[in-house]
Amino acid sequence: QVQLVESGGGLVQPGGSLRLSCAASGFIFSRYAMSWYCQAPGKERELVARIMRDGARTYYADSVKGRFTISRDNAKNMVYLQMNNLKPEDSAVYYCNAHLGLIDYWGQGTQVTVSS
């Protein structure tokens, strides 16, 4: 079965950095785009970044452009989100996403808290 397992969240001060990781299994990873979403309390889940299957094309939400970088390692079935210059408004649960056909698969999420 499809499994997505996130790690790397935590508490960081404003201006700090975190690297989120997502380990994927149960599908042919290299054939699918992968995404990171975030959801803050009381808000809808929103797309943060997406990377196409070859890793050559990426998409970022305007709010994170220039600060976050999505990458993937198809040999290891891993996708990453490097988060730099973090701001308090980046605080949320971050989810790894795989859209396979008509079905969205989600990890359990990892909490990112940006606070001094």
Protein backbone atom coordinates (compact mmCIF):
# COMPACT_ATOMS: atom_id res chain seq x y z
CA GLN A 1 0.00 0.00 0.00
CA VAL A 2 1.02 3.61 -0.49
CA GLN A 3 2.83 5.10 2.47
CA LEU A 4 4.21 8.59 2.96
CA VAL A 5 6.18 9.30 6.13
CA GLU A 6 7.28 12.84 6.92
CA SER A 7 10.01 13.88 9.30
CA GLY A 8 12.09 16.93 10.15
CA GLY A 9 9.59 19.30 11.70
CA GLY A 10 10.16 21.13 14.95
CA LEU A 11 10.44 24.44 16.74
CA VAL A 12 12.67 27.06 15.16
CA GLN A 13 13.24 30.76 15.68
CA PRO A 14 12.28 33.29 13.01
CA GLY A 15 14.97 33.40 10.35
CA GLY A 16 15.95 29.81 11.01
CA SER A 17 15.90 26.79 8.75
CA LEU A 18 14.41 23.31 8.68
CA ARG A 19 14.59 20.46 6.22
CA LEU A 20 11.55 18.26 5.89
CA SER A 21 11.84 14.76 4.45
CA CYS A 22 9.20 12.41 3.09
CA ALA A 23 9.85 8.72 2.57
CA ALA A 24 7.53 7.20 -0.03
CA SER A 25 6.72 3.55 -0.66
CA GLY A 26 4.10 1.37 -2.31
CA PHE A 27 4.15 2.98 -5.75
CA ILE A 28 6.57 3.72 -8.57
CA PHE A 29 7.88 6.95 -7.13
CA SER A 30 9.72 8.18 -10.21
CA ARG A 31 6.51 8.25 -12.26
CA TYR A 32 4.68 10.84 -10.18
CA ALA A 33 4.89 14.46 -9.15
CA MET A 34 5.20 15.01 -5.41
CA SER A 35 4.00 17.92 -3.34
CA TRP A 36 4.18 19.53 0.07
CA TYR A 37 1.10 21.13 1.58
CA CYS A 38 0.63 22.96 4.86
CA GLN A 39 -2.34 23.52 7.13
CA ALA A 40 -2.45 26.07 9.92
CA PRO A 41 -5.12 25.98 12.65
CA GLY A 42 -8.46 27.18 11.33
CA LYS A 43 -7.23 27.34 7.75
CA GLU A 44 -7.57 25.12 4.73
CA ARG A 45 -4.75 22.90 3.58
CA GLU A 46 -2.78 24.70 0.89
CA LEU A 47 -0.13 23.81 -1.65
CA VAL A 48 3.38 24.92 -0.73
CA ALA A 49 5.53 23.34 -3.43
CA ARG A 50 5.39 20.67 -6.13
CA ILE A 51 8.10 18.87 -8.04
CA MET A 52 7.54 17.01 -11.29
CA ARG A 53 8.62 13.41 -11.65
CA ASP A 54 11.96 14.19 -13.28
CA GLY A 55 12.81 16.85 -10.73
CA ALA A 56 13.43 19.42 -13.41
CA ARG A 57 10.26 21.42 -12.93
CA THR A 58 9.03 22.88 -9.69
CA TYR A 59 6.20 25.10 -8.47
CA TYR A 60 6.09 27.27 -5.36
CA ALA A 61 3.40 29.23 -3.63
CA ASP A 62 4.13 32.95 -3.81
CA SER A 63 4.52 33.11 -0.04
CA VAL A 64 7.54 30.77 -0.05
CA LYS A 65 9.30 31.66 -3.32
CA GLY A 66 12.97 32.36 -2.72
CA ARG A 67 12.89 30.80 0.75
CA PHE A 68 11.83 27.17 0.24
CA THR A 69 13.30 24.58 -2.12
CA ILE A 70 11.68 21.29 -3.02
CA SER A 71 13.83 18.43 -4.26
CA ARG A 72 13.61 14.69 -4.76
CA ASP A 73 15.83 11.63 -4.96
CA ASN A 74 14.17 9.05 -7.19
CA ALA A 75 16.79 6.45 -6.29
CA LYS A 76 15.81 6.68 -2.62
CA ASN A 77 12.07 7.42 -3.05
CA MET A 78 12.50 10.60 -1.05
CA VAL A 79 11.21 14.14 -1.40
CA TYR A 80 12.53 17.07 0.61
CA LEU A 81 11.54 20.60 1.50
CA GLN A 82 14.37 22.92 2.51
CA MET A 83 12.85 25.82 4.42
CA ASN A 84 15.02 28.89 4.97
CA ASN A 85 14.35 32.28 6.52
CA LEU A 86 11.33 30.89 8.29
CA LYS A 87 8.62 33.25 9.45
CA PRO A 88 5.99 32.85 12.19
CA GLU A 89 3.33 32.66 9.49
CA ASP A 90 5.00 29.50 8.15
CA SER A 91 3.90 27.68 11.32
CA ALA A 92 1.65 24.80 10.31
CA VAL A 93 1.46 21.06 9.92
CA TYR A 94 3.26 20.12 6.72
CA TYR A 95 2.05 17.16 4.67
CA CYS A 96 3.67 15.18 1.92
CA ASN A 97 1.31 14.42 -0.97
CA ALA A 98 1.26 12.01 -3.88
CA HIS A 99 -1.50 12.35 -6.47
CA LEU A 100 -1.82 8.95 -8.09
CA GLY A 101 -4.47 8.83 -10.78
CA LEU A 102 -7.67 10.05 -9.12
CA ILE A 103 -6.50 9.50 -5.54
CA ASP A 104 -4.56 11.78 -3.24
CA TYR A 105 -2.35 10.13 -0.66
CA TRP A 106 -1.14 11.96 2.42
CA GLY A 107 1.40 11.42 5.13
CA GLN A 108 0.62 11.91 8.80
CA GLY A 109 2.10 15.40 8.79
CA THR A 110 4.94 17.04 10.67
CA GLN A 111 4.53 20.14 12.82
CA VAL A 112 6.59 23.23 12.06
CA THR A 113 6.49 26.00 14.64
CA VAL A 114 8.32 29.27 14.07
CA SER A 115 8.51 31.28 17.24
CA SER A 116 10.95 33.21 19.36
